[in-house]
Amino acid sequence: MKEKITAFINELITYDYILFGGAFILFILFIILGIVLRKKTFLAIFFILLSFVILFGFPTIGYVKMHEFLFKNSIELVSEKKLTFTKAVVINATITNDSKRYFKTCRITAKAYKVSKNKLKSFIYSFKSFKKMSIILQDIEVGQTREFKMFLEPFTYSKKYHILLGAKCK
């Protein structure tokens, strides 16, 4: 747990510090406003509750949305093929840097899910992948499209499956 927190803090950018600092300042201001308006109970409770929503909700949602915007990328599955003599699936795909920032690293994750004829079961299966693999690509320029190949191994599943690709870039 300590390593995850340290890694998170080390990967913060200037915009993250501004976001977290702004949320903390708003939290303090609304707490003070709630204390000042303590004679008006409804308003005081409203501002105190609003301050805690700002303290926990604003940084969480803001961090996710800001990173989606700043590190925007698109990933496209070109082909996938299950190998017959080896227990593996070969995935060919491309990633494009759609942001205005240079990507030092991109962690690309491929997940394999079960597929069912029942739509409800397929939806439930989409939350739990039975096979997951990640690779890291380095140095992707602004607007650059890069091809890559991944191997999901050992892949022993014999029924229908679906491959989902995702990327987190910094």
Protein backbone atom coordinates (compact mmCIF):
# COMPACT_ATOMS: atom_id res chain seq x y z
CA MET A 1 0.00 0.00 0.00
CA LYS A 2 2.84 2.35 0.87
CA GLU A 3 4.41 1.77 -2.56
CA LYS A 4 1.14 2.61 -4.33
CA ILE A 5 0.75 5.87 -2.42
CA THR A 6 4.38 6.80 -3.07
CA ALA A 7 4.03 6.00 -6.79
CA PHE A 8 0.82 8.08 -6.97
CA ILE A 9 2.48 11.08 -5.33
CA ASN A 10 5.56 10.79 -7.55
CA GLU A 11 3.40 10.81 -10.71
CA LEU A 12 1.47 13.97 -9.80
CA ILE A 13 1.81 16.90 -12.19
CA THR A 14 1.47 20.63 -11.51
CA TYR A 15 -2.21 20.65 -12.49
CA ASP A 16 -2.92 17.97 -9.87
CA TYR A 17 -1.40 20.10 -7.11
CA ILE A 18 -3.48 23.08 -8.26
CA LEU A 19 -6.63 20.93 -8.26
CA PHE A 20 -6.01 19.46 -4.80
CA GLY A 21 -4.96 22.82 -3.34
CA GLY A 22 -8.02 24.56 -4.79
CA ALA A 23 -10.31 21.89 -3.37
CA PHE A 24 -8.71 22.24 0.07
CA ILE A 25 -9.05 26.04 0.00
CA LEU A 26 -12.74 25.75 -0.97
CA PHE A 27 -13.21 23.21 1.83
CA ILE A 28 -11.75 25.63 4.38
CA LEU A 29 -13.82 28.55 3.03
CA PHE A 30 -17.10 26.63 3.20
CA ILE A 31 -16.30 25.34 6.70
CA ILE A 32 -15.65 28.93 7.84
CA LEU A 33 -18.87 30.04 6.12
CA GLY A 34 -20.75 27.26 7.92
CA ILE A 35 -19.29 28.38 11.25
CA VAL A 36 -20.12 32.04 10.58
CA LEU A 37 -23.73 31.12 9.72
CA ARG A 38 -24.17 28.83 12.76
CA LYS A 39 -27.25 30.79 13.85
CA LYS A 40 -29.01 29.73 10.64
CA THR A 41 -28.89 25.99 11.17
CA PHE A 42 -30.06 24.87 7.73
CA LEU A 43 -27.51 27.02 5.88
CA ALA A 44 -24.71 26.06 8.27
CA ILE A 45 -25.38 22.33 7.79
CA PHE A 46 -25.66 22.81 4.03
CA PHE A 47 -22.30 24.59 3.78
CA ILE A 48 -20.57 22.05 6.03
CA LEU A 49 -21.91 19.13 3.99
CA LEU A 50 -21.02 20.93 0.76
CA SER A 51 -17.48 21.47 2.05
CA PHE A 52 -17.00 17.73 2.62
CA VAL A 53 -18.43 16.92 -0.81
CA ILE A 54 -15.93 19.38 -2.28
CA LEU A 55 -13.09 17.91 -0.21
CA PHE A 56 -13.68 14.32 -1.36
CA GLY A 57 -15.66 14.54 -4.62
CA PHE A 58 -14.05 17.46 -6.42
CA PRO A 59 -10.46 16.12 -6.38
CA THR A 60 -11.52 12.58 -7.28
CA ILE A 61 -13.74 13.45 -10.22
CA GLY A 62 -11.49 16.34 -11.25
CA TYR A 63 -8.37 14.14 -11.29
CA VAL A 64 -10.01 11.51 -13.49
CA LYS A 65 -11.55 14.01 -15.94
CA MET A 66 -8.42 16.15 -16.11
CA HIS A 67 -6.21 13.17 -16.90
CA GLU A 68 -8.68 11.96 -19.54
CA PHE A 69 -8.36 15.37 -21.20
CA LEU A 70 -4.62 15.94 -20.75
CA PHE A 71 -3.49 12.43 -21.69
CA LYS A 72 -6.08 11.66 -24.36
CA ASN A 73 -5.25 8.68 -26.55
CA SER A 74 -7.05 6.30 -28.84
CA ILE A 75 -6.30 2.64 -29.10
CA GLU A 76 -7.52 0.43 -31.92
CA LEU A 77 -7.51 -3.35 -32.14
CA VAL A 78 -6.24 -4.27 -35.61
CA SER A 79 -6.32 -8.06 -35.30
CA GLU A 80 -6.35 -10.87 -32.82
CA LYS A 81 -5.53 -14.49 -33.48
CA LYS A 82 -5.58 -17.50 -31.23
CA LEU A 83 -2.57 -19.64 -31.96
CA THR A 84 -3.17 -23.34 -32.49
CA PHE A 85 0.14 -24.91 -31.42
CA THR A 86 0.84 -22.53 -28.56
CA LYS A 87 -1.49 -21.55 -25.75
CA ALA A 88 -1.52 -17.86 -26.65
CA VAL A 89 -3.46 -15.09 -28.38
CA VAL A 90 -1.59 -12.58 -30.55
CA ILE A 91 -3.00 -9.05 -30.51
CA ASN A 92 -2.00 -6.44 -33.09
CA ALA A 93 -3.13 -2.90 -32.32
CA THR A 94 -2.29 0.77 -32.70
CA ILE A 95 -2.19 3.62 -30.22
CA THR A 96 -2.46 7.29 -31.17
CA ASN A 97 -1.45 10.25 -29.02
CA ASP A 98 -4.48 12.56 -29.41
CA SER A 99 -3.37 15.02 -26.72
CA LYS A 100 -1.16 18.07 -26.93
CA ARG A 101 1.39 16.51 -24.58
CA TYR A 102 4.32 14.17 -25.16
CA PHE A 103 3.85 10.73 -23.58
CA LYS A 104 6.89 9.41 -21.71
CA THR A 105 5.24 6.07 -20.99
CA CYS A 106 2.01 4.33 -21.88
CA ARG A 107 0.83 1.26 -20.01
CA ILE A 108 -1.33 -0.74 -22.40
CA THR A 109 -3.52 -3.43 -20.90
CA ALA A 110 -5.33 -6.21 -22.76
CA LYS A 111 -8.12 -8.07 -20.98
CA ALA A 112 -9.98 -11.14 -22.16
CA TYR A 113 -13.63 -11.63 -21.15
CA LYS A 114 -16.08 -14.45 -21.55
CA VAL A 115 -18.95 -13.90 -23.99
CA SER A 116 -22.45 -15.29 -23.63
CA LYS A 117 -25.58 -15.24 -25.78
CA ASN A 118 -27.38 -13.85 -22.75
CA LYS A 119 -26.82 -10.07 -22.70
CA LEU A 120 -27.08 -9.88 -18.91
CA LYS A 121 -24.42 -12.58 -18.46
CA SER A 122 -22.15 -10.85 -20.98
CA PHE A 123 -22.54 -7.61 -19.07
CA ILE A 124 -21.62 -9.33 -15.79
CA TYR A 125 -18.65 -11.11 -17.42
CA SER A 126 -17.31 -7.74 -18.62
CA PHE A 127 -16.47 -6.80 -15.02
CA LYS A 128 -14.23 -9.81 -14.43
CA SER A 129 -11.58 -10.63 -17.00
CA PHE A 130 -10.15 -14.12 -16.97
CA LYS A 131 -6.85 -13.09 -18.56
CA LYS A 132 -4.97 -9.80 -18.29
CA MET A 133 -1.63 -8.68 -19.71
CA SER A 134 0.15 -5.31 -19.82
CA ILE A 135 3.03 -3.81 -21.76
CA ILE A 136 4.71 -0.41 -21.55
CA LEU A 137 5.51 1.71 -24.58
CA GLN A 138 8.00 4.56 -24.28
CA ASP A 139 8.23 7.97 -25.98
CA ILE A 140 5.13 8.67 -28.06
CA GLU A 141 5.18 12.07 -29.77
CA VAL A 142 2.12 14.34 -30.15
CA GLY A 143 -0.09 13.02 -32.96
CA GLN A 144 2.05 9.91 -33.45
CA THR A 145 0.46 6.53 -34.14
CA ARG A 146 2.43 3.50 -33.06
CA GLU A 147 1.76 -0.15 -33.81
CA PHE A 148 2.38 -2.77 -31.18
CA LYS A 149 1.96 -6.50 -30.65
CA MET A 150 0.96 -8.28 -27.46
CA PHE A 151 0.75 -11.90 -26.46
CA LEU A 152 -1.83 -13.14 -23.97
CA GLU A 153 -0.31 -16.31 -22.60
CA PRO A 154 -0.99 -18.90 -21.34
CA PHE A 155 -4.42 -18.70 -22.92
CA THR A 156 -6.33 -21.96 -22.38
CA TYR A 157 -9.90 -20.72 -22.77
CA SER A 158 -11.58 -22.57 -25.66
CA LYS A 159 -14.99 -20.87 -25.89
CA LYS A 160 -15.98 -17.44 -27.24
CA TYR A 161 -14.15 -14.50 -25.74
CA HIS A 162 -13.76 -10.76 -26.24
CA ILE A 163 -10.56 -8.70 -26.04
CA LEU A 164 -10.64 -5.19 -24.56
CA LEU A 165 -7.67 -2.82 -24.81
CA GLY A 166 -7.00 0.18 -22.61
CA ALA A 167 -4.12 2.61 -22.15
CA LYS A 168 -2.96 4.94 -19.39
CA CYS A 169 -0.34 7.38 -20.55
CA LYS A 170 1.81 9.91 -18.71
